[in-house]
C-alpha cells in the first residue's frame, strides 16, 4: 500500500508518467520488485492532458468492469505528465503547442495580471479525469502524482 513507499520510491512512481505506459500492463518500481498495480486507463485528451490511472490490484480492472470488481479496488494512483519539452517541438508539435501556448502561457498571463477567469483547458479536463476515476473506483484511496504542468493538473 502507498503508506509504505519511501520518498525515493515515490519519485520513481512520479517519473513513470514519462514512460510509454500500456493499458493492462503491470507498473513496477525498484527494478521489478514492487508492483504499483495495473494501468487501467491511458488518457491523451485534445486539451493536452496526458495521464494514467493505475489500479493497485493483483490484475487489470477496467473502469467499465462490473461494479463488484471495481468496488474491490482499494487504491488508485493517477499520474499526470508534465509539459512536453520545448526541445521536442519538431517531433511533437501539437503537444508542445497545447502545453505551452494554450495552457502554460494563458495560465502565466492570468497569474501575472492577477486576472480571474476560466482555467485553461488542461486543468479542466484533468479535474474531470480525477472525478471520473473516483466514480469508477468508489472504495479506493487515491494518490496523485505530477510534474510541472502535471502537478497543477493534479
Protein backbone atom coordinates (compact mmCIF):
# COMPACT_ATOMS: atom_id res chain seq x y z
CA UNK A 1 0.00 0.00 0.00
CA UNK A 2 1.04 3.58 -0.56
CA UNK A 3 1.85 4.33 3.11
CA UNK A 4 4.93 2.13 2.88
CA UNK A 5 6.67 3.80 -0.06
CA UNK A 6 9.85 5.69 0.67
CA UNK A 7 10.42 9.17 -0.73
CA UNK A 8 12.76 7.67 -3.32
CA UNK A 9 10.09 5.17 -4.39
CA UNK A 10 7.52 7.96 -4.68
CA UNK A 11 9.91 9.80 -7.02
CA UNK A 12 10.22 6.60 -9.08
CA UNK A 13 6.42 6.40 -9.29
CA UNK A 14 6.16 10.03 -10.39
CA UNK A 15 8.79 9.53 -13.10
CA UNK A 16 6.70 6.72 -14.61
CA UNK A 17 4.38 9.40 -16.05
CA UNK A 18 7.03 9.98 -18.73
CA UNK A 19 7.20 6.30 -19.71
CA UNK A 20 5.21 4.83 -22.57
CA UNK A 21 2.77 3.03 -20.27
CA UNK A 22 0.49 0.46 -21.88
CA UNK A 23 -3.08 -0.42 -20.97
CA UNK A 24 -3.43 -3.60 -18.86
CA UNK A 25 0.31 -3.76 -18.12
CA UNK A 26 1.69 -4.03 -14.60
CA UNK A 27 3.60 -1.00 -13.34
CA UNK A 28 6.61 -1.75 -11.13
CA UNK A 29 9.31 0.26 -9.37
CA UNK A 30 12.70 -0.59 -7.85
CA UNK A 31 13.51 -2.68 -10.90
CA UNK A 32 10.79 -5.30 -10.88
CA UNK A 33 10.35 -5.82 -7.14
CA UNK A 34 7.42 -3.59 -6.18
CA UNK A 35 4.13 -3.58 -8.06
CA UNK A 36 2.17 -0.32 -8.08
CA UNK A 37 -0.70 -2.01 -9.90
CA UNK A 38 -2.08 -2.20 -13.41
CA UNK A 39 -2.61 0.54 -15.96
CA UNK A 40 -6.39 0.79 -16.21
CA UNK A 41 -6.51 3.94 -18.35
CA UNK A 42 -4.14 5.72 -20.72
CA UNK A 43 -5.50 9.22 -21.31
CA UNK A 44 -4.40 11.59 -24.07
CA UNK A 45 -7.01 14.34 -24.45
CA UNK A 46 -7.14 17.12 -27.08
CA UNK A 47 -6.58 19.64 -24.24
CA UNK A 48 -3.02 18.33 -23.96
CA UNK A 49 -3.72 16.30 -20.82
CA UNK A 50 -1.71 13.10 -20.70
CA UNK A 51 -2.41 10.94 -17.70
CA UNK A 52 -2.59 7.37 -16.46
CA UNK A 53 -4.88 5.68 -13.96
CA UNK A 54 -3.24 2.79 -12.11
CA UNK A 55 -5.30 0.36 -10.02
CA UNK A 56 -3.38 -1.28 -7.19
CA UNK A 57 -4.69 -4.81 -7.57
CA UNK A 58 -3.39 -8.24 -8.50
CA UNK A 59 -4.81 -7.90 -12.04
CA UNK A 60 -6.16 -5.38 -14.54
CA UNK A 61 -9.52 -3.83 -13.53
CA UNK A 62 -11.17 -1.81 -16.26
CA UNK A 63 -13.10 1.36 -15.40
CA UNK A 64 -16.08 -0.33 -17.05
CA UNK A 65 -15.68 -3.66 -15.26
CA UNK A 66 -18.67 -4.93 -13.28
CA UNK A 67 -19.25 -2.89 -10.12
CA UNK A 68 -18.17 -5.65 -7.67
CA UNK A 69 -14.74 -5.80 -9.36
CA UNK A 70 -14.36 -2.02 -9.21
CA UNK A 71 -15.51 -1.91 -5.58
CA UNK A 72 -12.70 -4.32 -4.71
CA UNK A 73 -10.07 -1.78 -5.82
CA UNK A 74 -8.76 -0.14 -2.64
CA UNK A 75 -6.00 2.06 -4.05
CA UNK A 76 -5.65 4.08 -7.25
CA UNK A 77 -2.69 6.13 -8.44
CA UNK A 78 -3.22 8.87 -11.02
CA UNK A 79 -0.13 10.08 -12.88
CA UNK A 80 -0.27 13.42 -14.71
CA UNK A 81 2.50 14.01 -17.23
CA UNK A 82 4.07 17.46 -17.26
CA UNK A 83 4.55 19.76 -20.23
CA UNK A 84 6.20 18.29 -23.29
CA UNK A 85 9.66 19.86 -23.51
CA UNK A 86 10.28 22.70 -25.93
CA UNK A 87 13.15 20.62 -27.34
CA UNK A 88 10.51 18.26 -28.79
CA UNK A 89 8.78 20.94 -30.88
CA UNK A 90 9.74 19.30 -34.20
CA UNK A 91 8.60 15.79 -33.25
CA UNK A 92 5.62 16.59 -31.00
CA UNK A 93 4.47 19.97 -32.28
CA UNK A 94 0.84 19.50 -31.21
CA UNK A 95 1.74 18.52 -27.65
CA UNK A 96 4.18 21.41 -27.28
CA UNK A 97 1.60 23.88 -28.65
CA UNK A 98 -1.17 22.64 -26.31
CA UNK A 99 1.06 22.57 -23.23
CA UNK A 100 2.98 25.80 -23.71
CA UNK A 101 0.75 28.13 -25.73
CA UNK A 102 -2.79 27.06 -24.91
CA UNK A 103 -2.22 26.14 -21.25
CA UNK A 104 1.01 27.48 -19.72
CA UNK A 105 1.09 30.93 -21.36
CA UNK A 106 -2.60 31.52 -20.63
CA UNK A 107 -2.11 30.49 -17.01
CA UNK A 108 1.02 32.62 -16.57
CA UNK A 109 -0.71 35.64 -18.12
CA UNK A 110 -3.63 35.32 -15.70
CA UNK A 111 -1.33 34.94 -12.71
CA UNK A 112 0.83 37.94 -13.65
CA UNK A 113 -2.22 40.11 -14.37
CA UNK A 114 -4.00 38.89 -11.21
CA UNK A 115 -6.83 38.03 -13.56
CA UNK A 116 -9.51 35.55 -12.67
CA UNK A 117 -11.47 33.54 -15.14
CA UNK A 118 -11.89 30.12 -16.58
CA UNK A 119 -8.98 27.75 -16.02
CA UNK A 120 -7.01 26.53 -19.04
CA UNK A 121 -8.50 23.50 -20.83
CA UNK A 122 -5.93 21.06 -19.47
CA UNK A 123 -6.75 21.91 -15.86
CA UNK A 124 -10.46 21.37 -16.53
CA UNK A 125 -10.02 18.02 -18.26
CA UNK A 126 -7.55 16.83 -15.62
CA UNK A 127 -10.10 17.54 -12.90
CA UNK A 128 -12.68 15.61 -14.94
CA UNK A 129 -10.26 12.67 -15.21
CA UNK A 130 -9.81 12.52 -11.43
CA UNK A 131 -13.55 12.86 -10.73
CA UNK A 132 -14.31 10.14 -13.27
CA UNK A 133 -11.73 7.78 -11.76
CA UNK A 134 -13.21 8.40 -8.31
CA UNK A 135 -16.64 7.46 -9.67
CA UNK A 136 -15.27 4.30 -11.29
CA UNK A 137 -13.46 3.14 -8.14
CA UNK A 138 -15.61 4.47 -5.27
CA UNK A 139 -13.96 2.46 -2.47
CA UNK A 140 -10.40 3.40 -3.39
CA UNK A 141 -7.99 5.75 -1.73
CA UNK A 142 -6.41 8.00 -4.39
CA UNK A 143 -2.81 9.11 -4.77
CA UNK A 144 -1.98 11.77 -7.34
CA UNK A 145 1.46 12.40 -8.83
CA UNK A 146 2.52 15.00 -11.35
CA UNK A 147 5.46 17.08 -12.51
CA UNK A 148 5.50 20.61 -13.95
CA UNK A 149 2.10 21.31 -15.53
CA UNK A 150 1.13 17.80 -14.43
CA UNK A 151 1.42 18.77 -10.76
CA UNK A 152 -1.00 21.64 -11.30
CA UNK A 153 -3.35 19.29 -13.12
CA UNK A 154 -3.46 17.02 -10.09
